[in-house]
Each structure stands twice: as C-alpha cells, then as structure tokens.
PDB file of N, CA and C in Angstrom:
ATOM      1  N   MET A   1       0.822  -1.191   0.000  1.00  0.00           N
ATOM      2  CA  MET A   1       0.000   0.000   0.000  1.00  0.00           C
ATOM      3  C   MET A   1       0.873   1.264   0.000  1.00  0.00           C
ATOM      4  N   ARG A   2       1.998   1.214   0.725  1.00  0.00           N
ATOM      5  CA  ARG A   2       2.897   2.366   0.745  1.00  0.00           C
ATOM      6  C   ARG A   2       3.446   2.634  -0.647  1.00  0.00           C
ATOM      7  N   THR A   3       3.730   1.592  -1.374  1.00  0.00           N
ATOM      8  CA  THR A   3       4.258   1.743  -2.729  1.00  0.00           C
ATOM      9  C   THR A   3       3.218   2.390  -3.639  1.00  0.00           C
ATOM     10  N   PHE A   4       1.966   1.992  -3.487  1.00  0.00           N
ATOM     11  CA  PHE A   4       0.884   2.574  -4.286  1.00  0.00           C
ATOM     12  C   PHE A   4       0.788   4.077  -4.038  1.00  0.00           C
ATOM     13  N   PHE A   5       0.802   4.490  -2.762  1.00  0.00           N
ATOM     14  CA  PHE A   5       0.712   5.913  -2.450  1.00  0.00           C
ATOM     15  C   PHE A   5       1.948   6.669  -2.925  1.00  0.00           C
ATOM     16  N   LEU A   6       3.100   6.045  -2.878  1.00  0.00           N
ATOM     17  CA  LEU A   6       4.311   6.672  -3.390  1.00  0.00           C
ATOM     18  C   LEU A   6       4.197   6.905  -4.894  1.00  0.00           C
ATOM     19  N   VAL A   7       3.660   5.938  -5.614  1.00  0.00           N
ATOM     20  CA  VAL A   7       3.473   6.080  -7.062  1.00  0.00           C
ATOM     21  C   VAL A   7       2.459   7.187  -7.355  1.00  0.00           C
ATOM     22  N   VAL A   8       1.354   7.238  -6.609  1.00  0.00           N
ATOM     23  CA  VAL A   8       0.338   8.271  -6.819  1.00  0.00           C
ATOM     24  C   VAL A   8       0.923   9.653  -6.538  1.00  0.00           C
ATOM     25  N   LYS A   9       1.662   9.797  -5.443  1.00  0.00           N
ATOM     26  CA  LYS A   9       2.286  11.083  -5.118  1.00  0.00           C
ATOM     27  C   LYS A   9       3.289  11.488  -6.194  1.00  0.00           C
ATOM     28  N   SER A  10       4.034  10.533  -6.717  1.00  0.00           N
ATOM     29  CA  SER A  10       5.010  10.824  -7.767  1.00  0.00           C
ATOM     30  C   SER A  10       4.314  11.292  -9.041  1.00  0.00           C
ATOM     31  N   ILE A  11       3.219  10.667  -9.391  1.00  0.00           N
ATOM     32  CA  ILE A  11       2.467  11.068 -10.582  1.00  0.00           C
ATOM     33  C   ILE A  11       1.901  12.469 -10.406  1.00  0.00           C
ATOM     34  N   ILE A  12       1.332  12.761  -9.243  1.00  0.00           N
ATOM     35  CA  ILE A  12       0.789  14.097  -8.979  1.00  0.00           C
ATOM     36  C   ILE A  12       1.904  15.135  -9.051  1.00  0.00           C
ATOM     37  N   PHE A  13       3.061  14.828  -8.460  1.00  0.00           N
ATOM     38  CA  PHE A  13       4.187  15.756  -8.514  1.00  0.00           C
ATOM     39  C   PHE A  13       4.610  16.016  -9.951  1.00  0.00           C
ATOM     40  N   LEU A  14       4.715  14.972 -10.755  1.00  0.00           N
ATOM     41  CA  LEU A  14       5.134  15.138 -12.143  1.00  0.00           C
ATOM     42  C   LEU A  14       4.140  15.973 -12.940  1.00  0.00           C
ATOM     43  N   VAL A  15       2.853  15.766 -12.707  1.00  0.00           N
ATOM     44  CA  VAL A  15       1.829  16.553 -13.413  1.00  0.00           C
ATOM     45  C   VAL A  15       1.945  18.027 -13.033  1.00  0.00           C
ATOM     46  N   VAL A  16       2.089  18.320 -11.756  1.00  0.00           N
ATOM     47  CA  VAL A  16       2.222  19.711 -11.310  1.00  0.00           C
ATOM     48  C   VAL A  16       3.524  20.318 -11.823  1.00  0.00           C
ATOM     49  N   PHE A  17       4.600  19.543 -11.809  1.00  0.00           N
ATOM     50  CA  PHE A  17       5.889  20.027 -12.294  1.00  0.00           C
ATOM     51  C   PHE A  17       5.829  20.354 -13.786  1.00  0.00           C
ATOM     52  N   ILE A  18       5.244  19.479 -14.575  1.00  0.00           N
ATOM     53  CA  ILE A  18       5.113  19.723 -16.016  1.00  0.00           C
ATOM     54  C   ILE A  18       4.206  20.920 -16.264  1.00  0.00           C
ATOM     55  N   PHE A  19       3.135  21.051 -15.484  1.00  0.00           N
ATOM     56  CA  PHE A  19       2.238  22.204 -15.598  1.00  0.00           C
ATOM     57  C   PHE A  19       3.003  23.498 -15.340  1.00  0.00           C
ATOM     58  N   SER A  20       3.846  23.492 -14.309  1.00  0.00           N
ATOM     59  CA  SER A  20       4.595  24.709 -13.979  1.00  0.00           C
ATOM     60  C   SER A  20       5.630  25.034 -15.056  1.00  0.00           C
ATOM     61  N   LEU A  21       6.232  24.024 -15.660  1.00  0.00           N
ATOM     62  CA  LEU A  21       7.188  24.279 -16.732  1.00  0.00           C
ATOM     63  C   LEU A  21       6.514  24.859 -17.972  1.00  0.00           C
ATOM     64  N   ASN A  22       5.264  24.499 -18.203  1.00  0.00           N
ATOM     65  CA  ASN A  22       4.540  24.996 -19.369  1.00  0.00           C
ATOM     66  C   ASN A  22       3.939  26.377 -19.138  1.00  0.00           C
ATOM     67  N   ASN A  23       3.919  26.878 -17.916  1.00  0.00           N
ATOM     68  CA  ASN A  23       3.316  28.176 -17.613  1.00  0.00           C
ATOM     69  C   ASN A  23       4.368  29.161 -17.107  1.00  0.00           C
ATOM     70  N   THR A  24       5.408  29.342 -17.887  1.00  0.00           N
ATOM     71  CA  THR A  24       6.466  30.264 -17.492  1.00  0.00           C
ATOM     72  C   THR A  24       6.339  31.621 -18.184  1.00  0.00           C
ATOM     73  N   HIS A  25       5.277  31.847 -18.931  1.00  0.00           N
ATOM     74  CA  HIS A  25       5.078  33.132 -19.597  1.00  0.00           C
ATOM     75  C   HIS A  25       4.830  34.219 -18.563  1.00  0.00           C
ATOM     76  N   LEU A  26       5.336  35.400 -18.847  1.00  0.00           N
ATOM     77  CA  LEU A  26       5.140  36.508 -17.918  1.00  0.00           C
ATOM     78  C   LEU A  26       3.691  36.975 -17.939  1.00  0.00           C
ATOM     79  N   THR A  27       3.179  37.237 -16.775  1.00  0.00           N
ATOM     80  CA  THR A  27       1.821  37.730 -16.610  1.00  0.00           C
ATOM     81  C   THR A  27       1.897  39.013 -15.801  1.00  0.00           C
ATOM     82  N   THR A  28       1.153  40.008 -16.217  1.00  0.00           N
ATOM     83  CA  THR A  28       1.153  41.295 -15.529  1.00  0.00           C
ATOM     84  C   THR A  28      -0.065  41.393 -14.628  1.00  0.00           C
ATOM     85  N   ILE A  29       0.184  41.736 -13.378  1.00  0.00           N
ATOM     86  CA  ILE A  29      -0.897  41.967 -12.425  1.00  0.00           C
ATOM     87  C   ILE A  29      -0.911  43.462 -12.126  1.00  0.00           C
ATOM     88  N   ASN A  30      -2.017  44.128 -12.445  1.00  0.00           N
ATOM     89  CA  ASN A  30      -2.174  45.546 -12.137  1.00  0.00           C
ATOM     90  C   ASN A  30      -2.745  45.669 -10.728  1.00  0.00           C
ATOM     91  N   ILE A  31      -2.022  46.372  -9.866  1.00  0.00           N
ATOM     92  CA  ILE A  31      -2.436  46.492  -8.471  1.00  0.00           C
ATOM     93  C   ILE A  31      -3.714  47.321  -8.359  1.00  0.00           C
ATOM     94  N   PHE A  32      -3.753  48.454  -9.020  1.00  0.00           N
ATOM     95  CA  PHE A  32      -4.943  49.308  -9.014  1.00  0.00           C
ATOM     96  C   PHE A  32      -5.479  49.398 -10.433  1.00  0.00           C
ATOM     97  N   PRO A  33      -6.787  49.213 -10.621  1.00  0.00           N
ATOM     98  CA  PRO A  33      -7.349  49.282 -11.972  1.00  0.00           C
ATOM     99  C   PRO A  33      -7.147  50.660 -12.593  1.00  0.00           C
ATOM    100  N   GLY A  34      -6.722  50.684 -13.827  1.00  0.00           N
ATOM    101  CA  GLY A  34      -6.533  51.933 -14.551  1.00  0.00           C
ATOM    102  C   GLY A  34      -5.190  52.590 -14.329  1.00  0.00           C
ATOM    103  N   VAL A  35      -4.377  52.072 -13.412  1.00  0.00           N
ATOM    104  CA  VAL A  35      -3.055  52.638 -13.157  1.00  0.00           C
ATOM    105  C   VAL A  35      -2.020  51.638 -13.672  1.00  0.00           C
ATOM    106  N   ALA A  36      -1.483  51.930 -14.843  1.00  0.00           N
ATOM    107  CA  ALA A  36      -0.538  50.995 -15.459  1.00  0.00           C
ATOM    108  C   ALA A  36       0.848  51.098 -14.839  1.00  0.00           C
ATOM    109  N   ASP A  37       1.119  52.182 -14.106  1.00  0.00           N
ATOM    110  CA  ASP A  37       2.447  52.351 -13.506  1.00  0.00           C
ATOM    111  C   ASP A  37       2.697  51.379 -12.364  1.00  0.00           C
ATOM    112  N   ILE A  38       1.649  50.980 -11.682  1.00  0.00           N
ATOM    113  CA  ILE A  38       1.801  50.078 -10.541  1.00  0.00           C
ATOM    114  C   ILE A  38       1.374  48.683 -10.992  1.00  0.00           C
ATOM    115  N   ALA A  39       2.312  47.952 -11.549  1.00  0.00           N
ATOM    116  CA  ALA A  39       2.048  46.613 -12.055  1.00  0.00           C
ATOM    117  C   ALA A  39       3.249  45.727 -11.752  1.00  0.00           C
ATOM    118  N   ILE A  40       2.969  44.444 -11.580  1.00  0.00           N
ATOM    119  CA  ILE A  40       4.029  43.486 -11.283  1.00  0.00           C
ATOM    120  C   ILE A  40       4.005  42.392 -12.345  1.00  0.00           C
ATOM    121  N   ASP A  41       5.162  42.132 -12.932  1.00  0.00           N
ATOM    122  CA  ASP A  41       5.305  41.062 -13.916  1.00  0.00           C
ATOM    123  C   ASP A  41       5.952  39.860 -13.240  1.00  0.00           C
ATOM    124  N   ALA A  42       5.355  38.708 -13.414  1.00  0.00           N
ATOM    125  CA  ALA A  42       5.908  37.466 -12.881  1.00  0.00           C
ATOM    126  C   ALA A  42       5.332  36.305 -13.692  1.00  0.00           C
ATOM    127  N   PRO A  43       5.959  35.129 -13.631  1.00  0.00           N
ATOM    128  CA  PRO A  43       5.407  33.960 -14.336  1.00  0.00           C
ATOM    129  C   PRO A  43       4.036  33.565 -13.790  1.00  0.00           C
ATOM    130  N   LEU A  44       3.227  33.009 -14.658  1.00  0.00           N
ATOM    131  CA  LEU A  44       1.864  32.613 -14.278  1.00  0.00           C
ATOM    132  C   LEU A  44       1.867  31.625 -13.122  1.00  0.00           C
ATOM    133  N   ILE A  45       2.786  30.688 -13.116  1.00  0.00           N
ATOM    134  CA  ILE A  45       2.812  29.680 -12.063  1.00  0.00           C
ATOM    135  C   ILE A  45       3.084  30.326 -10.708  1.00  0.00           C
ATOM    136  N   PHE A  46       3.853  31.422 -10.674  1.00  0.00           N
ATOM    137  CA  PHE A  46       4.088  32.160  -9.426  1.00  0.00           C
ATOM    138  C   PHE A  46       2.779  32.728  -8.891  1.00  0.00           C
ATOM    139  N   TRP A  47       1.986  33.347  -9.769  1.00  0.00           N
ATOM    140  CA  TRP A  47       0.709  33.926  -9.332  1.00  0.00           C
ATOM    141  C   TRP A  47      -0.251  32.841  -8.865  1.00  0.00           C
ATOM    142  N   LEU A  48      -0.276  31.717  -9.568  1.00  0.00           N
ATOM    143  CA  LEU A  48      -1.154  30.618  -9.157  1.00  0.00           C
ATOM    144  C   LEU A  48      -0.771  30.095  -7.781  1.00  0.00           C
ATOM    145  N   LEU A  49       0.520  29.900  -7.561  1.00  0.00           N
ATOM    146  CA  LEU A  49       0.999  29.420  -6.269  1.00  0.00           C
ATOM    147  C   LEU A  49       0.748  30.445  -5.168  1.00  0.00           C
ATOM    148  N   LEU A  50       0.992  31.710  -5.457  1.00  0.00           N
ATOM    149  CA  LEU A  50       0.782  32.768  -4.475  1.00  0.00           C
ATOM    150  C   LEU A  50      -0.673  32.838  -4.028  1.00  0.00           C
ATOM    151  N   PHE A  51      -1.598  32.863  -4.970  1.00  0.00           N
ATOM    152  CA  PHE A  51      -2.999  32.991  -4.611  1.00  0.00           C
ATOM    153  C   PHE A  51      -3.568  31.694  -4.020  1.00  0.00           C
ATOM    154  N   PHE A  52      -3.028  30.560  -4.385  1.00  0.00           N
ATOM    155  CA  PHE A  52      -3.421  29.298  -3.752  1.00  0.00           C
ATOM    156  C   PHE A  52      -3.023  29.312  -2.280  1.00  0.00           C
ATOM    157  N   CYS A  53      -1.778  29.712  -2.001  1.00  0.00           N
ATOM    158  CA  CYS A  53      -1.312  29.787  -0.600  1.00  0.00           C
ATOM    159  C   CYS A  53      -2.065  30.864   0.169  1.00  0.00           C
ATOM    160  N   LEU A  54      -2.362  31.977  -0.478  1.00  0.00           N
ATOM    161  CA  LEU A  54      -3.133  33.040   0.163  1.00  0.00           C
ATOM    162  C   LEU A  54      -4.536  32.550   0.529  1.00  0.00           C
ATOM    163  N   GLY A  55      -5.143  31.762  -0.338  1.00  0.00           N
ATOM    164  CA  GLY A  55      -6.456  31.195  -0.048  1.00  0.00           C
ATOM    165  C   GLY A  55      -6.417  30.241   1.134  1.00  0.00           C
ATOM    166  N   ILE A  56      -5.384  29.419   1.215  1.00  0.00           N
ATOM    167  CA  ILE A  56      -5.233  28.516   2.355  1.00  0.00           C
ATOM    168  C   ILE A  56      -5.053  29.321   3.636  1.00  0.00           C
ATOM    169  N   PHE A  57      -4.217  30.361   3.596  1.00  0.00           N
ATOM    170  CA  PHE A  57      -3.956  31.196   4.763  1.00  0.00           C
ATOM    171  C   PHE A  57      -5.234  31.888   5.247  1.00  0.00           C
ATOM    172  N   ILE A  58      -6.004  32.461   4.344  1.00  0.00           N
ATOM    173  CA  ILE A  58      -7.246  33.146   4.716  1.00  0.00           C
ATOM    174  C   ILE A  58      -8.242  32.158   5.299  1.00  0.00           C
ATOM    175  N   THR A  59      -8.337  30.973   4.723  1.00  0.00           N
ATOM    176  CA  THR A  59      -9.243  29.947   5.245  1.00  0.00           C
ATOM    177  C   THR A  59      -8.859  29.549   6.658  1.00  0.00           C
ATOM    178  N   VAL A  60      -7.577  29.348   6.912  1.00  0.00           N
ATOM    179  CA  VAL A  60      -7.120  28.984   8.251  1.00  0.00           C
ATOM    180  C   VAL A  60      -7.426  30.101   9.246  1.00  0.00           C
ATOM    181  N   ILE A  61      -7.197  31.348   8.854  1.00  0.00           N
ATOM    182  CA  ILE A  61      -7.461  32.479   9.740  1.00  0.00           C
ATOM    183  C   ILE A  61      -8.940  32.555  10.098  1.00  0.00           C
ATOM    184  N   PHE A  62      -9.830  32.359   9.121  1.00  0.00           N
ATOM    185  CA  PHE A  62     -11.265  32.460   9.395  1.00  0.00           C
ATOM    186  C   PHE A  62     -11.792  31.286  10.211  1.00  0.00           C
ATOM    187  N   PHE A  63     -11.193  30.099  10.079  1.00  0.00           N
ATOM    188  CA  PHE A  63     -11.665  28.942  10.827  1.00  0.00           C
ATOM    189  C   PHE A  63     -10.959  28.755  12.159  1.00  0.00           C
ATOM    190  N   LEU A  64      -9.925  29.520  12.415  1.00  0.00           N
ATOM    191  CA  LEU A  64      -9.178  29.390  13.660  1.00  0.00           C
ATOM    192  C   LEU A  64     -10.038  29.631  14.899  1.00  0.00           C
ATOM    193  N   PRO A  65     -10.893  30.668  14.948  1.00  0.00           N
ATOM    194  CA  PRO A  65     -11.744  30.843  16.142  1.00  0.00           C
ATOM    195  C   PRO A  65     -12.668  29.647  16.395  1.00  0.00           C
ATOM    196  N   THR A  66     -13.210  29.069  15.338  1.00  0.00           N
ATOM    197  CA  THR A  66     -14.088  27.912  15.493  1.00  0.00           C
ATOM    198  C   THR A  66     -13.320  26.715  16.034  1.00  0.00           C
ATOM    199  N   VAL A  67     -12.144  26.497  15.519  1.00  0.00           N
ATOM    200  CA  VAL A  67     -11.328  25.369  15.966  1.00  0.00           C
ATOM    201  C   VAL A  67     -10.942  25.545  17.428  1.00  0.00           C
ATOM    202  N   LEU A  68     -10.524  26.739  17.792  1.00  0.00           N
ATOM    203  CA  LEU A  68     -10.140  26.997  19.178  1.00  0.00           C
ATOM    204  C   LEU A  68     -11.329  26.871  20.125  1.00  0.00           C
ATOM    205  N   LYS A  69     -12.500  27.330  19.688  1.00  0.00           N
ATOM    206  CA  LYS A  69     -13.711  27.220  20.498  1.00  0.00           C
ATOM    207  C   LYS A  69     -14.074  25.753  20.727  1.00  0.00           C
ATOM    208  N   ASN A  70     -13.985  24.953  19.673  1.00  0.00           N
ATOM    209  CA  ASN A  70     -14.296  23.524  19.805  1.00  0.00           C
ATOM    210  C   ASN A  70     -13.276  22.812  20.684  1.00  0.00           C
ATOM    211  N   ALA A  71     -12.014  23.183  20.573  1.00  0.00           N
ATOM    212  CA  ALA A  71     -10.982  22.565  21.399  1.00  0.00           C
ATOM    213  C   ALA A  71     -11.196  22.927  22.874  1.00  0.00           C
ATOM    214  N   LYS A  72     -11.590  24.161  23.118  1.00  0.00           N
ATOM    215  CA  LYS A  72     -11.829  24.603  24.498  1.00  0.00           C
ATOM    216  C   LYS A  72     -13.044  23.872  25.086  1.00  0.00           C
ATOM    217  N   SER A  73     -14.107  23.701  24.299  1.00  0.00           N
ATOM    218  CA  SER A  73     -15.292  23.017  24.798  1.00  0.00           C
ATOM    219  C   SER A  73     -15.010  21.529  25.032  1.00  0.00           C
ATOM    220  N   LYS A  74     -14.208  20.915  24.179  1.00  0.00           N
ATOM    221  CA  LYS A  74     -13.844  19.504  24.396  1.00  0.00           C
ATOM    222  C   LYS A  74     -13.000  19.342  25.657  1.00  0.00           C
ATOM    223  N   LYS A  75     -12.115  20.306  25.885  1.00  0.00           N
ATOM    224  CA  LYS A  75     -11.255  20.252  27.048  1.00  0.00           C
ATOM    225  C   LYS A  75     -12.091  20.378  28.335  1.00  0.00           C
ATOM    226  N   SER A  76     -13.105  21.233  28.330  1.00  0.00           N
ATOM    227  CA  SER A  76     -13.943  21.402  29.510  1.00  0.00           C
ATOM    228  C   SER A  76     -14.884  20.219  29.728  1.00  0.00           C
ATOM    229  N   ASN A  77     -15.244  19.504  28.685  1.00  0.00           N
ATOM    230  CA  ASN A  77     -16.135  18.345  28.798  1.00  0.00           C
ATOM    231  C   ASN A  77     -15.400  17.114  29.322  1.00  0.00           C
ATOM    232  N   VAL A  78     -14.080  17.076  29.199  1.00  0.00           N
ATOM    233  CA  VAL A  78     -13.302  15.927  29.629  1.00  0.00           C
ATOM    234  C   VAL A  78     -13.338  15.800  31.142  1.00  0.00           C
ATOM    235  N   SER A  79     -13.262  16.885  31.853  1.00  0.00           N
ATOM    236  CA  SER A  79     -13.229  16.841  33.324  1.00  0.00           C
ATOM    237  C   SER A  79     -14.585  16.736  33.914  1.00  0.00           C
TER     238      SER A  79
END
C-alpha cells in the first residue's frame, strides 16, 4: 500500500511540475485598476501558487476561532 501511495504522489508531482514548466510566460498583475504604472510582472505559475497559498492562509485564519472554540469546549467536557 505504501508503494501505491508513493506512485500516486510521484504522478501528482510530475503533473504539477510539467504544468509549472509549461506556464512560465510573464503575466502582468495591475495592483490598481486603470493605473498601469503600478504593475508586477511574474510567471503565471508564481501567481497561481501565491494565490493558492493566500487562499489557504485566509481559510485557516477564518476557521481558527471555530477550531479553538471547539478545542476549548472539548477540554472542559473531559473533566
């Protein structure tokens, strides 16, 4: 079973790696609409990774109070 999961993880890694190699074109992100002076150029895969990680971070921040509340209530129910 460990070998199966290793093969699956390797395939997923290769697909993501090939995807990132194919998306190296520069993409411009305009910080403020209509202002062309404030823009950042970077590869598309960088923007995808950045916003994916940002989404994970925001999700964790918003669910953190709920998780802490549930952990506190479980801790008080144990005694």
